[in-house]
Structure formats: structure tokens, C-alpha cells
Amino acid sequence: MFELSLDQTKLFNCGIEFFCLCTILLMYYNSKRELSFSYDFYLLRRVQVLTMILLVSDIFMWATNGLPGKAFWYIGYIENIVYFVIQILITISWLYYVSYRLYHKKVPDKTRIPLITIPVIIITALTLSSPWTSWVFYIDSSNYYHRGPLSDTLAVITLAYLMGTSLLGLIKMHREVLLERRKECLAIALFIVPPLIGGILQMLNYGGAFLFPCITLSLLMIFMDIESQAISIDALTGLNNRGKMDNYLNSLMVGNNRAIALIMIDINDFKIINDDFGHDKGDEILVFMADILKKTFGNSSAFLARYGGDEFVVILENLGTRAVANYMAKIKENIDVFNSSVNYGFELSVGIGHAIYPSKKVNNADDLFRIADEEMYRDKKLCKERIARGDN
């Protein structure tokens, strides 16, 4: 039977995990380049980054495990503390991603604090105490890592969180009508399967690197599922396109009792910009407008889309008229900043309108767009009148 020495096992494990690191790094790079700006993709990229940090810490753990010297004893504790803390942060970040991807909303405080924040604090405290208590792990006098009495307990807690997200995916899948959404929910539900297999193998065969290849496989499954939906992305701006926006809005409005705000933005005199300065400059302005929206809404839960031509749409949830008006004012402030930083021979300006569902005049998606469109064109008219008068 083929057997590896301890040094060969360490080298083999480091090689496997380095391959996983490169694979996830490639996924992260492609997701940054190809996927649209939205809060759920921001959360997924956070999972990828944390997983890469976890991989780096584990590679160093394999490489330094058992090396002589007091310095490596301290390094061993630092590496393992980072490992266990990042591990739970990945699990929680995945929970945030699944919650937002499935239900289009962030985890509420009443759920987050008792089920996420407090357990994370307790697990972090137990991990940090390990150099003195050996509860989670310990490094022996020969600088070798050993599991502590609570190590398996933390693994079970992590597994419980992952199983909870899979259960959410299955429940949502059975409630979805759209085929694409059902497929996505199934992919989320199956995310746990490879890590579960890898985790069990690693617990039963201590010394083997089974977990990370399985985690990488799960992340690859999710990434491929998202890539298959890339047809929904506007190639020029990186924002969601109109088809994706329609599906998103329809999914929000089905059985939803939360307020939905829609902001429409139209670039003033865009045809003149194209005719006088060329289509390349027009495309550049569209990209800048998309960047302005990304800057304005940052890492909020706003859904950003290019509606068509020089029109853009922002969809927000659970915001009142005042909050929406503040965002609209912020868009124009950021446009002013843009105008002061470049010299194109013209000033970028936009018309903005909004509508909120449900409200007195808004009972469906058509009303939402009609009211927002009417307000947007009134704003465009006022803007042109101000420019004609020479007002700021």
C-alpha cells in the first residue's frame, strides 16, 4: 500500500491547498471583472476573500507544524487562532449571502444579534483563550498542533449554520415559480454537500487535506451558476440589465409587504453628446454614470440597473420618501464632483424621478415606472430651464 511520510504529507497538503487558493483567486478576479455591482455579489466576494485568507493560514500551519524553536510555537498559535476565527466568519458571511440572495434583504437585528453576533463573540473568545486553556487547540512542546476538547464542538456549530442555509435554500426553492430561481436555490441548498463530505473525511483521517478541495468545489458550483446568469449583465457598465431588473422587481413584488422605491435617472442631452463628441465619449459617460451610482449607493442593498440607452434604474427597499430624496440629492452631488474633476467641454447633468410602491397612485410595477418616469421628465425640463437661465 502506498504511504507518505510526514514531510511528504505536509508537502502534498500544501500543494493541494495552493491549487485551491489559485482557483478561488481566479474566481474572485473574474467575479470582480464580470459580475454586476450588487450587494449579494459583494457578500460572495467577501466569502471568497475570507476563504483565501483561511487557505493561506492553513498552508502556513502545515508548513510550520513541528518546526523547532520558540518562535514557531508562537507562530503556531497565531496561525491557528486566525484559522478558527476566519472559519466562523466565512460561515456567517455565507449566511448573509444566502439570506440576501434568497430573500433580497439583510439579516434583521433581532435575528442577527442572538443567532450570529453573540455566538461569534463566544467562539472568538474561546479561540483566543486557547494558548492558556487548550479548549479549542494547543501546540505541544515539540510545536505540533493538537485538537482541543471543543474543536469538534465548533465544527458541529459551523456545520449547523451551513445546514441552516441549505434548509433555507430548499424551502425557498419549493416556493419559487421561476425556473431560474429554483435552480439557484437548489445550488445554494447543495453548497453544503462537498464540504460536509470533506469535513467528515478530515475528522476521520487526521492529517489529510480533504476539506478545502471540497469547499473550493462548492464555491465553483455557485460561481458557475452565477456565470450562467451573466447574460443578465450589461456588458458596458457592469450593472444589471433590463431583463434582470424586471425579474428582480417581479420577485420583490410577489407576496411582499415592504415598501419598494424606484429611482429613474436619464442623462440630459445624451444624443447631443454622442453627435458632437462621438459614441466613444458617449460610452465613457455611461460608464462614469454607472460609477457615480456605485459610489452613491456603496455597499447598500440597492439594486442598480441600466434600463436602456442613457436611462438607469435604482431599486430600494424599506425606505421612505425622505431617505429616497436624500439618495437622489446625493446622486446630483456626486455628478457635480465629477464635473469639477474633468473637462469634457460640457457638464454632465441628469433628470431624476422616483415612485414608491405601494402608494396612492402606485398599485403595480407599471404604475411604479409611469410615476417615476413622469417625475424624471419634469426634473429634466426644470434642469434645462435652469441651464437656459444660467442658474447653478
Protein backbone atom coordinates (compact mmCIF):
# COMPACT_ATOMS: atom_id res chain seq x y z
CA MET A 1 0.00 0.00 0.00
CA PHE A 2 1.28 3.46 -0.94
CA GLU A 3 2.09 5.56 2.12
CA LEU A 4 3.52 9.05 2.54
CA SER A 5 5.96 10.18 5.18
CA LEU A 6 5.04 13.10 7.45
CA ASP A 7 7.13 15.54 5.39
CA GLN A 8 5.65 14.21 2.14
CA THR A 9 2.13 14.55 3.57
CA LYS A 10 2.79 18.17 4.57
CA LEU A 11 4.16 18.95 1.10
CA PHE A 12 1.24 17.20 -0.60
CA ASN A 13 -1.32 19.06 1.54
CA CYS A 14 0.36 22.44 0.90
CA GLY A 15 0.33 21.72 -2.84
CA ILE A 16 -3.37 20.79 -2.85
CA GLU A 17 -4.33 23.87 -0.85
CA PHE A 18 -2.17 26.15 -3.00
CA PHE A 19 -4.06 24.87 -6.04
CA CYS A 20 -7.35 25.64 -4.24
CA LEU A 21 -6.05 29.13 -3.40
CA CYS A 22 -5.23 29.81 -7.07
CA THR A 23 -8.65 28.54 -8.16
CA ILE A 24 -10.53 30.79 -5.73
CA LEU A 25 -8.28 33.75 -6.63
CA LEU A 26 -9.21 33.23 -10.28
CA MET A 27 -12.91 33.11 -9.35
CA TYR A 28 -12.53 36.32 -7.35
CA TYR A 29 -10.76 38.10 -10.20
CA ASN A 30 -13.42 37.05 -12.72
CA SER A 31 -16.26 37.99 -10.38
CA LYS A 32 -14.77 41.47 -9.89
CA ARG A 33 -14.39 41.89 -13.65
CA GLU A 34 -17.57 40.29 -14.97
CA LEU A 35 -20.31 40.37 -12.33
CA SER A 36 -22.56 43.37 -11.83
CA PHE A 37 -22.41 45.70 -8.85
CA SER A 38 -24.87 44.46 -6.26
CA TYR A 39 -24.83 43.75 -2.54
CA ASP A 40 -25.13 39.97 -2.94
CA PHE A 41 -22.06 39.75 -5.18
CA TYR A 42 -20.19 41.94 -2.69
CA LEU A 43 -21.03 39.37 0.01
CA LEU A 44 -19.97 36.46 -2.23
CA ARG A 45 -16.63 38.14 -2.92
CA ARG A 46 -16.20 38.57 0.84
CA VAL A 47 -16.66 34.80 1.25
CA GLN A 48 -14.01 34.26 -1.44
CA VAL A 49 -11.53 36.64 0.22
CA LEU A 50 -12.02 35.10 3.67
CA THR A 51 -11.60 31.60 2.21
CA MET A 52 -8.31 32.65 0.61
CA ILE A 53 -7.12 34.03 3.96
CA LEU A 54 -8.14 30.74 5.58
CA LEU A 55 -6.21 28.79 2.95
CA VAL A 56 -3.08 30.88 3.45
CA SER A 57 -3.24 30.34 7.22
CA ASP A 58 -3.74 26.59 6.74
CA ILE A 59 -0.83 26.33 4.29
CA PHE A 60 1.43 28.05 6.81
CA MET A 61 0.08 25.74 9.52
CA TRP A 62 1.08 22.67 7.50
CA ALA A 63 4.44 24.19 6.58
CA THR A 64 5.42 25.21 10.12
CA ASN A 65 3.81 22.39 12.12
CA GLY A 66 6.52 20.69 14.21
CA LEU A 67 9.36 23.04 13.28
CA PRO A 68 11.68 23.55 16.26
CA GLY A 69 12.14 26.83 18.08
CA LYS A 70 10.13 29.05 20.41
CA ALA A 71 9.28 31.41 17.54
CA PHE A 72 7.39 28.64 15.72
CA TRP A 73 5.47 27.87 18.91
CA TYR A 74 4.12 31.44 18.89
CA ILE A 75 3.57 31.33 15.11
CA GLY A 76 1.60 28.11 15.53
CA TYR A 77 -0.80 29.75 17.95
CA ILE A 78 -1.22 32.84 15.78
CA GLU A 79 -1.89 30.74 12.64
CA ASN A 80 -4.48 28.57 14.35
CA ILE A 81 -6.27 31.47 16.04
CA VAL A 82 -6.57 33.17 12.64
CA TYR A 83 -7.79 29.89 11.16
CA PHE A 84 -10.59 29.27 13.65
CA VAL A 85 -11.79 32.89 13.72
CA ILE A 86 -11.81 33.21 9.91
CA GLN A 87 -13.60 29.87 9.66
CA ILE A 88 -16.61 31.13 11.60
CA LEU A 89 -16.54 34.47 9.76
CA ILE A 90 -16.77 32.60 6.43
CA THR A 91 -19.77 30.67 7.69
CA ILE A 92 -21.53 33.86 8.81
CA SER A 93 -20.67 35.67 5.57
CA TRP A 94 -22.15 32.76 3.62
CA LEU A 95 -25.29 33.02 5.77
CA TYR A 96 -25.53 36.74 4.95
CA TYR A 97 -25.10 35.99 1.25
CA VAL A 98 -27.76 33.28 1.24
CA SER A 99 -30.23 35.41 3.20
CA TYR A 100 -29.87 38.34 0.83
CA ARG A 101 -29.76 36.22 -2.33
CA LEU A 102 -32.90 34.31 -1.40
CA TYR A 103 -34.99 37.00 0.28
CA HIS A 104 -33.47 40.26 -1.05
CA LYS A 105 -32.95 41.62 2.44
CA LYS A 106 -30.26 41.75 5.09
CA VAL A 107 -30.44 39.63 8.23
CA PRO A 108 -32.54 41.66 10.71
CA ASP A 109 -31.00 42.74 14.03
CA LYS A 110 -33.46 40.68 16.07
CA THR A 111 -32.10 37.57 14.34
CA ARG A 112 -28.50 38.67 13.82
CA ILE A 113 -27.66 39.55 17.43
CA PRO A 114 -28.77 36.33 19.23
CA LEU A 115 -28.04 33.85 16.41
CA ILE A 116 -24.91 35.37 14.88
CA THR A 117 -23.21 38.16 16.84
CA ILE A 118 -23.28 36.53 20.28
CA PRO A 119 -22.13 33.06 19.08
CA VAL A 120 -19.32 34.65 17.06
CA ILE A 121 -18.13 36.58 20.11
CA ILE A 122 -18.21 33.42 22.27
CA ILE A 123 -16.36 31.31 19.67
CA THR A 124 -13.75 34.06 19.16
CA ALA A 125 -13.22 34.36 22.93
CA LEU A 126 -12.80 30.57 23.28
CA THR A 127 -10.31 30.52 20.40
CA LEU A 128 -8.30 33.45 21.78
CA SER A 129 -8.14 31.73 25.17
CA SER A 130 -6.64 28.53 23.74
CA PRO A 131 -2.99 29.41 24.49
CA TRP A 132 -3.95 29.28 28.20
CA THR A 133 -6.90 26.84 28.25
CA SER A 134 -6.24 24.47 25.30
CA TRP A 135 -10.02 24.32 24.81
CA VAL A 136 -10.05 24.65 21.02
CA PHE A 137 -6.47 23.58 20.22
CA TYR A 138 -2.98 23.55 21.66
CA ILE A 139 0.63 23.41 20.48
CA ASP A 140 2.77 20.88 22.33
CA SER A 141 6.39 21.25 23.44
CA SER A 142 7.55 19.90 20.06
CA ASN A 143 5.47 22.58 18.26
CA TYR A 144 2.90 20.12 16.90
CA TYR A 145 -0.76 21.11 16.62
CA HIS A 146 -3.41 19.13 18.50
CA ARG A 147 -7.17 19.46 18.65
CA GLY A 148 -8.70 20.64 21.90
CA PRO A 149 -11.82 19.22 23.60
CA LEU A 150 -14.03 21.89 21.99
CA SER A 151 -12.63 21.53 18.48
CA ASP A 152 -15.29 19.08 17.31
CA THR A 153 -18.00 21.17 19.00
CA LEU A 154 -17.01 24.21 16.93
CA ALA A 155 -17.03 22.03 13.81
CA VAL A 156 -20.59 20.92 14.63
CA ILE A 157 -21.67 24.56 15.18
CA THR A 158 -20.20 25.53 11.80
CA LEU A 159 -21.97 22.59 10.21
CA ALA A 160 -25.27 23.63 11.83
CA TYR A 161 -25.02 27.09 10.29
CA LEU A 162 -24.30 25.60 6.86
CA MET A 163 -27.17 23.14 7.19
CA GLY A 164 -29.43 26.04 8.13
CA THR A 165 -28.55 27.90 4.93
CA SER A 166 -29.17 24.74 2.90
CA LEU A 167 -32.56 24.36 4.54
CA LEU A 168 -33.39 27.97 3.64
CA GLY A 169 -32.46 27.19 0.04
CA LEU A 170 -34.70 24.13 -0.09
CA ILE A 171 -37.66 25.96 1.47
CA LYS A 172 -37.28 28.87 -0.95
CA MET A 173 -36.92 26.53 -3.92
CA HIS A 174 -40.29 24.93 -3.25
CA ARG A 175 -41.91 28.38 -3.06
CA GLU A 176 -40.37 29.76 -6.24
CA VAL A 177 -42.22 29.83 -9.54
CA LEU A 178 -39.43 30.91 -11.91
CA LEU A 179 -37.25 28.02 -13.12
CA GLU A 180 -34.02 30.04 -12.94
CA ARG A 181 -34.69 30.97 -9.33
CA ARG A 182 -35.47 27.34 -8.45
CA LYS A 183 -32.14 26.25 -9.97
CA GLU A 184 -30.30 28.93 -8.00
CA CYS A 185 -32.00 27.91 -4.74
CA LEU A 186 -31.03 24.29 -5.40
CA ALA A 187 -27.38 25.29 -5.98
CA ILE A 188 -27.40 27.12 -2.63
CA ALA A 189 -29.02 24.12 -0.90
CA LEU A 190 -26.37 21.75 -2.30
CA PHE A 191 -23.47 24.02 -1.31
CA ILE A 192 -23.03 22.11 1.95
CA VAL A 193 -22.63 18.65 0.38
CA PRO A 194 -18.95 18.74 -0.72
CA PRO A 195 -17.70 20.49 2.48
CA LEU A 196 -19.72 18.04 4.58
CA ILE A 197 -18.06 15.08 2.87
CA GLY A 198 -14.63 16.71 3.10
CA GLY A 199 -15.13 17.65 6.74
CA ILE A 200 -16.12 14.12 7.74
CA LEU A 201 -13.15 12.64 5.87
CA GLN A 202 -10.80 15.11 7.53
CA MET A 203 -12.18 14.38 11.02
CA LEU A 204 -11.82 10.62 10.46
CA ASN A 205 -8.42 10.85 8.76
CA TYR A 206 -6.48 13.45 10.67
CA GLY A 207 -3.55 14.73 8.64
CA GLY A 208 -5.28 14.74 5.26
CA ALA A 209 -6.33 17.92 3.42
CA PHE A 210 -9.83 16.90 2.37
CA LEU A 211 -11.85 19.94 3.41
CA PHE A 212 -10.53 22.74 1.20
CA PRO A 213 -10.80 20.95 -2.15
CA CYS A 214 -14.46 20.31 -1.28
CA ILE A 215 -15.05 23.95 -0.24
CA THR A 216 -13.43 25.08 -3.49
CA LEU A 217 -15.73 22.75 -5.42
CA SER A 218 -18.79 24.28 -3.72
CA LEU A 219 -17.64 27.84 -4.42
CA LEU A 220 -17.00 26.81 -8.03
CA MET A 221 -20.56 25.41 -8.28
CA ILE A 222 -22.00 28.71 -7.06
CA PHE A 223 -19.73 30.74 -9.33
CA MET A 224 -20.68 28.66 -12.40
CA ASP A 225 -24.36 29.07 -11.57
CA ILE A 226 -23.90 32.84 -11.37
CA GLU A 227 -21.85 32.86 -14.58
CA SER A 228 -24.70 31.07 -16.33
CA GLN A 229 -26.85 34.06 -15.45
CA ALA A 230 -24.25 36.54 -16.74
CA ILE A 231 -26.48 37.17 -19.74
CA SER A 232 -28.39 39.40 -17.32
CA ILE A 233 -25.47 41.82 -17.02
CA ASP A 234 -24.99 44.97 -19.07
CA ALA A 235 -21.59 44.48 -20.73
CA LEU A 236 -20.68 48.19 -20.93
CA THR A 237 -21.45 49.38 -17.39
CA GLY A 238 -21.34 46.14 -15.40
CA LEU A 239 -24.78 46.93 -13.96
CA ASN A 240 -27.77 44.65 -14.18
CA ASN A 241 -29.66 44.86 -17.45
CA ARG A 242 -33.35 45.44 -18.03
CA GLY A 243 -34.28 41.75 -18.15
CA LYS A 244 -32.59 41.08 -14.82
CA MET A 245 -34.24 44.17 -13.36
CA ASP A 246 -37.69 43.02 -14.49
CA ASN A 247 -37.18 39.61 -12.90
CA TYR A 248 -35.83 41.17 -9.72
CA LEU A 249 -38.70 43.63 -9.38
CA ASN A 250 -41.30 40.94 -10.09
CA SER A 251 -39.80 38.68 -7.44
CA LEU A 252 -39.87 41.56 -4.94
CA MET A 253 -43.50 42.39 -5.58
CA VAL A 254 -44.81 38.84 -5.22
CA GLY A 255 -46.15 38.49 -1.68
CA ASN A 256 -44.07 41.40 -0.44
CA ASN A 257 -45.43 43.85 2.13
CA ARG A 258 -42.29 46.00 2.26
CA ALA A 259 -42.06 49.40 0.58
CA ILE A 260 -40.27 49.39 -2.79
CA ALA A 261 -38.76 52.62 -4.11
CA LEU A 262 -37.76 53.02 -7.75
CA ILE A 263 -35.46 55.82 -8.90
CA MET A 264 -35.12 56.55 -12.64
CA ILE A 265 -32.18 58.55 -13.99
CA ASP A 266 -31.85 59.87 -17.54
CA ILE A 267 -28.75 61.70 -18.86
CA ASN A 268 -29.65 65.11 -20.28
CA ASP A 269 -28.82 65.78 -23.94
CA PHE A 270 -27.12 62.44 -24.37
CA LYS A 271 -27.86 62.42 -28.12
CA ILE A 272 -26.05 65.74 -28.46
CA ILE A 273 -23.05 64.33 -26.57
CA ASN A 274 -22.96 61.36 -28.96
CA ASP A 275 -23.34 63.55 -32.06
CA ASP A 276 -20.85 66.26 -31.05
CA PHE A 277 -18.22 64.25 -29.18
CA GLY A 278 -18.59 60.76 -30.65
CA HIS A 279 -20.03 57.46 -29.49
CA ASP A 280 -16.84 56.50 -27.67
CA LYS A 281 -17.25 59.55 -25.47
CA GLY A 282 -20.91 58.68 -25.02
CA ASP A 283 -19.97 55.19 -23.86
CA GLU A 284 -17.43 56.71 -21.49
CA ILE A 285 -20.12 58.92 -19.99
CA LEU A 286 -22.40 55.89 -19.48
CA VAL A 287 -19.60 54.10 -17.61
CA PHE A 288 -18.95 57.20 -15.49
CA MET A 289 -22.67 57.43 -14.70
CA ALA A 290 -22.65 53.80 -13.57
CA ASP A 291 -19.60 54.52 -11.39
CA ILE A 292 -21.39 57.50 -9.86
CA LEU A 293 -24.32 55.26 -8.92
CA LYS A 294 -21.96 52.66 -7.44
CA LYS A 295 -20.26 55.38 -5.39
CA THR A 296 -23.59 56.82 -4.25
CA PHE A 297 -25.07 53.55 -3.07
CA GLY A 298 -21.82 51.98 -1.87
CA ASN A 299 -22.40 48.65 -0.16
CA SER A 300 -26.09 49.30 0.45
CA SER A 301 -28.71 46.80 -0.65
CA ALA A 302 -29.65 48.94 -3.68
CA PHE A 303 -30.23 47.13 -6.98
CA LEU A 304 -28.60 49.06 -9.83
CA ALA A 305 -29.52 48.55 -13.48
CA ARG A 306 -29.06 50.11 -16.88
CA TYR A 307 -32.62 50.37 -18.12
CA GLY A 308 -31.70 51.09 -21.71
CA GLY A 309 -29.81 53.72 -23.69
CA ASP A 310 -28.95 56.52 -21.28
CA GLU A 311 -31.50 55.55 -18.62
CA PHE A 312 -30.64 53.93 -15.30
CA VAL A 313 -32.79 52.47 -12.54
CA VAL A 314 -32.19 52.04 -8.82
CA ILE A 315 -34.47 49.83 -6.71
CA LEU A 316 -34.50 50.23 -2.93
CA GLU A 317 -36.47 48.56 -0.15
CA ASN A 318 -37.91 49.76 3.15
CA LEU A 319 -37.08 53.43 2.59
CA GLY A 320 -39.42 56.39 2.95
CA THR A 321 -39.71 59.42 0.69
CA ARG A 322 -37.17 61.47 2.67
CA ALA A 323 -34.47 58.77 2.50
CA VAL A 324 -35.05 58.32 -1.22
CA ALA A 325 -34.87 62.10 -1.75
CA ASN A 326 -31.54 62.14 0.11
CA TYR A 327 -30.17 59.49 -2.24
CA MET A 328 -31.40 61.46 -5.25
CA ALA A 329 -29.67 64.59 -3.95
CA LYS A 330 -26.51 62.57 -3.35
CA ILE A 331 -26.51 61.40 -6.97
CA LYS A 332 -26.53 65.01 -8.17
CA GLU A 333 -23.84 65.96 -5.64
CA ASN A 334 -21.58 63.21 -6.99
CA ILE A 335 -22.28 64.38 -10.54
CA ASP A 336 -21.15 67.88 -9.51
CA VAL A 337 -17.96 66.35 -8.11
CA PHE A 338 -17.44 64.55 -11.41
CA ASN A 339 -17.96 67.76 -13.41
CA SER A 340 -15.41 69.59 -11.27
CA SER A 341 -12.80 66.86 -11.78
CA VAL A 342 -12.97 66.56 -15.59
CA ASN A 343 -13.08 68.95 -18.54
CA TYR A 344 -15.04 67.48 -21.43
CA GLY A 345 -16.32 70.76 -22.84
CA PHE A 346 -19.76 70.03 -21.40
CA GLU A 347 -21.29 69.36 -18.00
CA LEU A 348 -22.96 66.09 -17.18
CA SER A 349 -26.49 66.53 -15.85
CA VAL A 350 -29.43 64.21 -15.34
CA GLY A 351 -33.15 64.15 -14.74
CA ILE A 352 -34.24 62.08 -11.75
CA GLY A 353 -37.64 60.81 -10.71
CA HIS A 354 -38.93 58.33 -8.21
CA ALA A 355 -42.01 56.42 -7.11
CA ILE A 356 -42.82 54.23 -4.12
CA TYR A 357 -44.90 51.05 -4.07
CA PRO A 358 -47.45 50.72 -2.62
CA SER A 359 -48.83 54.25 -2.53
CA LYS A 360 -51.92 56.20 -3.56
CA LYS A 361 -51.07 56.25 -7.28
CA VAL A 362 -48.90 53.15 -7.43
CA ASN A 363 -50.55 49.73 -7.32
CA ASN A 364 -48.30 47.70 -9.63
CA ALA A 365 -44.99 47.73 -11.50
CA ASP A 366 -46.42 49.67 -14.46
CA ASP A 367 -47.60 52.46 -12.13
CA LEU A 368 -44.19 52.46 -10.44
CA PHE A 369 -42.40 53.15 -13.73
CA ARG A 370 -45.01 55.57 -15.02
CA ILE A 371 -44.92 57.83 -11.95
CA ALA A 372 -41.12 57.74 -11.73
CA ASP A 373 -40.83 58.46 -15.46
CA GLU A 374 -43.21 61.43 -15.26
CA GLU A 375 -41.29 62.94 -12.34
CA MET A 376 -37.99 62.32 -14.12
CA TYR A 377 -39.08 64.25 -17.22
CA ARG A 378 -40.40 67.10 -15.11
CA ASP A 379 -36.97 67.26 -13.48
CA LYS A 380 -35.26 67.20 -16.89
CA LYS A 381 -37.40 70.13 -18.01
CA LEU A 382 -36.59 72.14 -14.88
CA CYS A 383 -32.89 71.36 -15.31
CA LYS A 384 -32.88 72.62 -18.89
CA GLU A 385 -34.73 75.77 -17.83
CA ARG A 386 -32.14 76.44 -15.12
CA ILE A 387 -29.32 75.98 -17.62
CA ALA A 388 -31.03 78.34 -20.09
CA ARG A 389 -31.32 80.99 -17.34
CA GLY A 390 -27.70 80.45 -16.33
CA ASP A 391 -28.64 79.28 -12.82
CA ASN A 392 -26.45 76.85 -10.88
